[in-house]
């Protein structure tokens, strides 16, 4: 895979990891297992059946846990660093053509980990706003939107990476504009 395209796919998967940590890694694992997706040698284990099964189970457990009151808040605390790690791993796994390990991991951490961290921060803000305005009753709707968004971004990143990147950029700009708008009179 051309390195620029690999980076775009990695950024798209990293954005999805900011919404759900395991779902994009599961998608990457399935794509490597059943498709023609080359992974970096040190992360080739992601393309093994055992990894796909473990990541699939973790995905289901993570999605289900966000529907449990109080557990969702605990998961938000754990998901922040985990999302950065997952985004970094997904991006590094795809940068198989970069021979300089230092450059590969720096790029993966900055582009992948940074993207995942930014999306995760937005997710935490949305959940906190939902809890504050609905007393937590709206959190299952937020959880559903997040995992569906992670699924959409994962599929788009693997199939149409430019569209996934465009979607992430549009949502980011929209959120920034909402925050910087002066309050209505």
C-alpha atoms as a PDB file:
ATOM      1  CA  UNK A   1       0.000   0.000   0.000  1.00  0.00           C
ATOM      2  CA  UNK A   2       1.346   3.416  -0.873  1.00  0.00           C
ATOM      3  CA  UNK A   3       2.504   5.101   2.343  1.00  0.00           C
ATOM      4  CA  UNK A   4       0.319   8.199   1.951  1.00  0.00           C
ATOM      5  CA  UNK A   5      -2.764   6.033   1.435  1.00  0.00           C
ATOM      6  CA  UNK A   6      -1.701   3.841   4.363  1.00  0.00           C
ATOM      7  CA  UNK A   7      -1.434   6.958   6.512  1.00  0.00           C
ATOM      8  CA  UNK A   8      -4.922   8.095   5.463  1.00  0.00           C
ATOM      9  CA  UNK A   9      -6.374   4.684   6.306  1.00  0.00           C
ATOM     10  CA  UNK A  10      -4.551   4.797   9.636  1.00  0.00           C
ATOM     11  CA  UNK A  11      -5.917   8.250  10.461  1.00  0.00           C
ATOM     12  CA  UNK A  12      -9.452   7.116   9.595  1.00  0.00           C
ATOM     13  CA  UNK A  13      -9.098   4.050  11.834  1.00  0.00           C
ATOM     14  CA  UNK A  14      -7.580   6.228  14.558  1.00  0.00           C
ATOM     15  CA  UNK A  15     -10.587   8.553  14.431  1.00  0.00           C
ATOM     16  CA  UNK A  16     -12.840   5.515  14.828  1.00  0.00           C
ATOM     17  CA  UNK A  17     -10.703   4.395  17.795  1.00  0.00           C
ATOM     18  CA  UNK A  18     -11.549   7.711  19.439  1.00  0.00           C
ATOM     19  CA  UNK A  19     -15.190   6.570  19.468  1.00  0.00           C
ATOM     20  CA  UNK A  20     -14.702   2.868  20.254  1.00  0.00           C
ATOM     21  CA  UNK A  21     -11.245   1.497  20.995  1.00  0.00           C
ATOM     22  CA  UNK A  22     -11.570  -2.079  19.763  1.00  0.00           C
ATOM     23  CA  UNK A  23     -13.934  -1.802  16.782  1.00  0.00           C
ATOM     24  CA  UNK A  24     -11.400  -0.294  14.319  1.00  0.00           C
ATOM     25  CA  UNK A  25      -8.715  -2.757  15.421  1.00  0.00           C
ATOM     26  CA  UNK A  26     -11.218  -5.571  14.834  1.00  0.00           C
ATOM     27  CA  UNK A  27     -11.982  -4.158  11.373  1.00  0.00           C
ATOM     28  CA  UNK A  28      -8.267  -3.878  10.610  1.00  0.00           C
ATOM     29  CA  UNK A  29      -7.757  -7.458  11.781  1.00  0.00           C
ATOM     30  CA  UNK A  30     -10.573  -8.748   9.563  1.00  0.00           C
ATOM     31  CA  UNK A  31      -9.274  -6.748   6.582  1.00  0.00           C
ATOM     32  CA  UNK A  32      -5.793  -8.196   7.056  1.00  0.00           C
ATOM     33  CA  UNK A  33      -7.154 -11.708   7.579  1.00  0.00           C
ATOM     34  CA  UNK A  34      -9.568 -11.803   4.630  1.00  0.00           C
ATOM     35  CA  UNK A  35      -8.241  -9.091   2.331  1.00  0.00           C
ATOM     36  CA  UNK A  36      -5.017  -8.110   0.711  1.00  0.00           C
ATOM     37  CA  UNK A  37      -3.890  -5.720   3.420  1.00  0.00           C
ATOM     38  CA  UNK A  38      -0.205  -5.793   4.260  1.00  0.00           C
ATOM     39  CA  UNK A  39       0.714  -5.060   7.854  1.00  0.00           C
ATOM     40  CA  UNK A  40       4.027  -4.028   9.364  1.00  0.00           C
ATOM     41  CA  UNK A  41       5.993  -7.126  10.378  1.00  0.00           C
ATOM     42  CA  UNK A  42       5.992  -6.231  14.084  1.00  0.00           C
ATOM     43  CA  UNK A  43       2.193  -5.877  14.034  1.00  0.00           C
ATOM     44  CA  UNK A  44       1.406  -8.747  11.658  1.00  0.00           C
ATOM     45  CA  UNK A  45      -0.212 -10.573  14.595  1.00  0.00           C
ATOM     46  CA  UNK A  46      -3.240  -8.318  14.033  1.00  0.00           C
ATOM     47  CA  UNK A  47      -3.964 -10.341  10.880  1.00  0.00           C
ATOM     48  CA  UNK A  48      -4.100 -13.693  12.687  1.00  0.00           C
ATOM     49  CA  UNK A  49      -7.399 -15.499  13.404  1.00  0.00           C
ATOM     50  CA  UNK A  50      -6.706 -15.476  17.157  1.00  0.00           C
ATOM     51  CA  UNK A  51      -6.371 -11.695  17.123  1.00  0.00           C
ATOM     52  CA  UNK A  52      -9.590 -11.293  15.121  1.00  0.00           C
ATOM     53  CA  UNK A  53     -11.497 -13.467  17.602  1.00  0.00           C
ATOM     54  CA  UNK A  54     -10.075 -11.649  20.642  1.00  0.00           C
ATOM     55  CA  UNK A  55     -10.692  -8.214  19.131  1.00  0.00           C
ATOM     56  CA  UNK A  56     -14.225  -9.213  18.100  1.00  0.00           C
ATOM     57  CA  UNK A  57     -15.011 -10.310  21.657  1.00  0.00           C
ATOM     58  CA  UNK A  58     -13.467  -7.127  23.068  1.00  0.00           C
ATOM     59  CA  UNK A  59     -15.521  -5.056  20.612  1.00  0.00           C
ATOM     60  CA  UNK A  60     -18.791  -6.655  21.705  1.00  0.00           C
ATOM     61  CA  UNK A  61     -17.874  -6.304  25.386  1.00  0.00           C
ATOM     62  CA  UNK A  62     -16.907  -2.654  24.940  1.00  0.00           C
ATOM     63  CA  UNK A  63     -20.065  -1.749  23.008  1.00  0.00           C
ATOM     64  CA  UNK A  64     -22.320  -3.518  25.521  1.00  0.00           C
ATOM     65  CA  UNK A  65     -20.577  -1.997  28.527  1.00  0.00           C
ATOM     66  CA  UNK A  66     -21.353   1.542  27.394  1.00  0.00           C
ATOM     67  CA  UNK A  67     -25.038   0.793  27.980  1.00  0.00           C
ATOM     68  CA  UNK A  68     -24.472   0.136  31.686  1.00  0.00           C
ATOM     69  CA  UNK A  69     -24.918   3.175  33.961  1.00  0.00           C
ATOM     70  CA  UNK A  70     -21.752   4.228  35.784  1.00  0.00           C
ATOM     71  CA  UNK A  71     -19.697   1.708  33.782  1.00  0.00           C
ATOM     72  CA  UNK A  72     -19.846   4.090  30.818  1.00  0.00           C
ATOM     73  CA  UNK A  73     -18.131   6.793  32.885  1.00  0.00           C
ATOM     74  CA  UNK A  74     -15.434   4.375  34.039  1.00  0.00           C
ATOM     75  CA  UNK A  75     -14.885   3.324  30.431  1.00  0.00           C
ATOM     76  CA  UNK A  76     -14.538   6.958  29.367  1.00  0.00           C
ATOM     77  CA  UNK A  77     -11.694   7.315  31.868  1.00  0.00           C
ATOM     78  CA  UNK A  78      -9.953   4.193  30.582  1.00  0.00           C
ATOM     79  CA  UNK A  79     -10.759   4.869  26.922  1.00  0.00           C
ATOM     80  CA  UNK A  80      -8.820   8.129  26.708  1.00  0.00           C
ATOM     81  CA  UNK A  81      -5.327   6.598  26.877  1.00  0.00           C
ATOM     82  CA  UNK A  82      -6.511   3.355  25.242  1.00  0.00           C
ATOM     83  CA  UNK A  83      -7.828   5.267  22.217  1.00  0.00           C
ATOM     84  CA  UNK A  84      -4.448   6.957  21.716  1.00  0.00           C
ATOM     85  CA  UNK A  85      -2.727   3.565  21.910  1.00  0.00           C
ATOM     86  CA  UNK A  86      -5.223   1.966  19.499  1.00  0.00           C
ATOM     87  CA  UNK A  87      -4.956   4.852  17.036  1.00  0.00           C
ATOM     88  CA  UNK A  88      -1.168   4.652  17.162  1.00  0.00           C
ATOM     89  CA  UNK A  89      -1.179   0.862  16.659  1.00  0.00           C
ATOM     90  CA  UNK A  90      -3.639   0.974  13.763  1.00  0.00           C
ATOM     91  CA  UNK A  91      -1.615   3.633  11.977  1.00  0.00           C
ATOM     92  CA  UNK A  92       1.752   1.955  12.612  1.00  0.00           C
ATOM     93  CA  UNK A  93       0.388  -1.402  11.441  1.00  0.00           C
ATOM     94  CA  UNK A  94      -0.403   0.078   8.044  1.00  0.00           C
ATOM     95  CA  UNK A  95       2.894   1.895   7.553  1.00  0.00           C
ATOM     96  CA  UNK A  96       4.612  -1.331   6.459  1.00  0.00           C
ATOM     97  CA  UNK A  97       6.628   0.424   3.755  1.00  0.00           C
ATOM     98  CA  UNK A  98       8.401   2.815   6.112  1.00  0.00           C
ATOM     99  CA  UNK A  99      11.757   1.265   6.914  1.00  0.00           C
ATOM    100  CA  UNK A 100      12.774   3.869   9.489  1.00  0.00           C
ATOM    101  CA  UNK A 101      11.143   2.577  12.693  1.00  0.00           C
ATOM    102  CA  UNK A 102      11.576   5.896  14.489  1.00  0.00           C
ATOM    103  CA  UNK A 103       9.801   7.792  11.720  1.00  0.00           C
ATOM    104  CA  UNK A 104       7.042   5.165  11.501  1.00  0.00           C
ATOM    105  CA  UNK A 105       6.247   5.270  15.216  1.00  0.00           C
ATOM    106  CA  UNK A 106       6.556   9.058  15.461  1.00  0.00           C
ATOM    107  CA  UNK A 107       4.164   9.466  12.533  1.00  0.00           C
ATOM    108  CA  UNK A 108       1.816   6.845  13.992  1.00  0.00           C
ATOM    109  CA  UNK A 109       1.794   8.527  17.400  1.00  0.00           C
ATOM    110  CA  UNK A 110       1.325  12.059  16.086  1.00  0.00           C
ATOM    111  CA  UNK A 111      -1.160  11.343  13.282  1.00  0.00           C
ATOM    112  CA  UNK A 112      -2.912   8.249  14.635  1.00  0.00           C
ATOM    113  CA  UNK A 113      -2.657   8.750  18.374  1.00  0.00           C
ATOM    114  CA  UNK A 114      -3.331  12.468  18.093  1.00  0.00           C
ATOM    115  CA  UNK A 115      -6.435  11.941  15.963  1.00  0.00           C
ATOM    116  CA  UNK A 116      -7.780   9.264  18.306  1.00  0.00           C
ATOM    117  CA  UNK A 117      -7.140  11.481  21.322  1.00  0.00           C
ATOM    118  CA  UNK A 118      -8.938  14.459  19.804  1.00  0.00           C
ATOM    119  CA  UNK A 119     -11.972  12.380  18.820  1.00  0.00           C
ATOM    120  CA  UNK A 120     -12.022  10.701  22.248  1.00  0.00           C
ATOM    121  CA  UNK A 121     -11.961  14.105  23.960  1.00  0.00           C
ATOM    122  CA  UNK A 122     -14.991  15.156  21.913  1.00  0.00           C
ATOM    123  CA  UNK A 123     -16.723  11.912  22.825  1.00  0.00           C
ATOM    124  CA  UNK A 124     -16.096  12.524  26.525  1.00  0.00           C
ATOM    125  CA  UNK A 125     -17.531  16.039  26.234  1.00  0.00           C
ATOM    126  CA  UNK A 126     -20.647  14.688  24.486  1.00  0.00           C
ATOM    127  CA  UNK A 127     -21.196  12.073  27.192  1.00  0.00           C
ATOM    128  CA  UNK A 128     -20.677  14.649  29.972  1.00  0.00           C
ATOM    129  CA  UNK A 129     -23.162  17.007  28.290  1.00  0.00           C
ATOM    130  CA  UNK A 130     -25.657  14.154  27.942  1.00  0.00           C
ATOM    131  CA  UNK A 131     -25.276  13.251  31.602  1.00  0.00           C
ATOM    132  CA  UNK A 132     -25.631  16.877  32.688  1.00  0.00           C
ATOM    133  CA  UNK A 133     -28.706  17.586  30.577  1.00  0.00           C
ATOM    134  CA  UNK A 134     -30.555  14.255  30.830  1.00  0.00           C
ATOM    135  CA  UNK A 135     -29.304  12.852  34.115  1.00  0.00           C
ATOM    136  CA  UNK A 136     -27.723  10.008  32.151  1.00  0.00           C
ATOM    137  CA  UNK A 137     -30.926   8.941  30.418  1.00  0.00           C
ATOM    138  CA  UNK A 138     -29.561  10.144  27.067  1.00  0.00           C
ATOM    139  CA  UNK A 139     -26.287   8.252  27.415  1.00  0.00           C
ATOM    140  CA  UNK A 140     -27.532   5.123  25.601  1.00  0.00           C
ATOM    141  CA  UNK A 141     -28.322   7.322  22.581  1.00  0.00           C
ATOM    142  CA  UNK A 142     -24.820   8.773  22.729  1.00  0.00           C
ATOM    143  CA  UNK A 143     -23.368   5.259  23.057  1.00  0.00           C
ATOM    144  CA  UNK A 144     -25.332   4.079  20.023  1.00  0.00           C
ATOM    145  CA  UNK A 145     -24.254   7.082  17.938  1.00  0.00           C
ATOM    146  CA  UNK A 146     -20.638   6.525  18.954  1.00  0.00           C
ATOM    147  CA  UNK A 147     -20.406   2.850  18.040  1.00  0.00           C
ATOM    148  CA  UNK A 148     -22.314   3.385  14.795  1.00  0.00           C
ATOM    149  CA  UNK A 149     -19.960   6.267  14.001  1.00  0.00           C
ATOM    150  CA  UNK A 150     -16.959   4.059  14.780  1.00  0.00           C
ATOM    151  CA  UNK A 151     -18.352   1.342  12.505  1.00  0.00           C
ATOM    152  CA  UNK A 152     -18.974   3.812   9.675  1.00  0.00           C
ATOM    153  CA  UNK A 153     -15.512   5.357  10.013  1.00  0.00           C
ATOM    154  CA  UNK A 154     -13.864   1.927  10.151  1.00  0.00           C
ATOM    155  CA  UNK A 155     -15.574   0.725   6.991  1.00  0.00           C
ATOM    156  CA  UNK A 156     -14.946   4.007   5.172  1.00  0.00           C
ATOM    157  CA  UNK A 157     -11.301   4.096   6.261  1.00  0.00           C
ATOM    158  CA  UNK A 158     -10.725   0.622   4.869  1.00  0.00           C
ATOM    159  CA  UNK A 159     -12.783   1.050   1.679  1.00  0.00           C
ATOM    160  CA  UNK A 160     -12.776   4.795   0.900  1.00  0.00           C
ATOM    161  CA  UNK A 161     -10.056   6.426   3.036  1.00  0.00           C
ATOM    162  CA  UNK A 162     -10.322   9.858   1.431  1.00  0.00           C
ATOM    163  CA  UNK A 163     -14.041   9.994   2.196  1.00  0.00           C
ATOM    164  CA  UNK A 164     -13.364   8.925   5.795  1.00  0.00           C
ATOM    165  CA  UNK A 165     -10.801  11.689   6.201  1.00  0.00           C
ATOM    166  CA  UNK A 166     -13.204  14.218   4.696  1.00  0.00           C
ATOM    167  CA  UNK A 167     -15.943  13.087   7.092  1.00  0.00           C
ATOM    168  CA  UNK A 168     -13.618  13.473  10.098  1.00  0.00           C
ATOM    169  CA  UNK A 169     -12.589  16.960   8.917  1.00  0.00           C
ATOM    170  CA  UNK A 170     -16.188  18.095   8.331  1.00  0.00           C
ATOM    171  CA  UNK A 171     -17.304  16.889  11.759  1.00  0.00           C
ATOM    172  CA  UNK A 172     -14.285  18.530  13.375  1.00  0.00           C
ATOM    173  CA  UNK A 173     -14.940  21.884  11.708  1.00  0.00           C
ATOM    174  CA  UNK A 174     -18.656  21.666  12.559  1.00  0.00           C
ATOM    175  CA  UNK A 175     -17.880  21.016  16.228  1.00  0.00           C
ATOM    176  CA  UNK A 176     -15.363  23.859  16.359  1.00  0.00           C
ATOM    177  CA  UNK A 177     -17.839  26.260  14.813  1.00  0.00           C
ATOM    178  CA  UNK A 178     -20.503  25.233  17.338  1.00  0.00           C
ATOM    179  CA  UNK A 179     -18.129  25.960  20.224  1.00  0.00           C
ATOM    180  CA  UNK A 180     -16.881  29.296  18.929  1.00  0.00           C
ATOM    181  CA  UNK A 181     -20.297  30.714  18.021  1.00  0.00           C
ATOM    182  CA  UNK A 182     -21.461  33.540  20.283  1.00  0.00           C
ATOM    183  CA  UNK A 183     -24.498  32.621  22.407  1.00  0.00           C
ATOM    184  CA  UNK A 184     -27.916  33.482  21.003  1.00  0.00           C
ATOM    185  CA  UNK A 185     -29.418  36.650  22.408  1.00  0.00           C
END
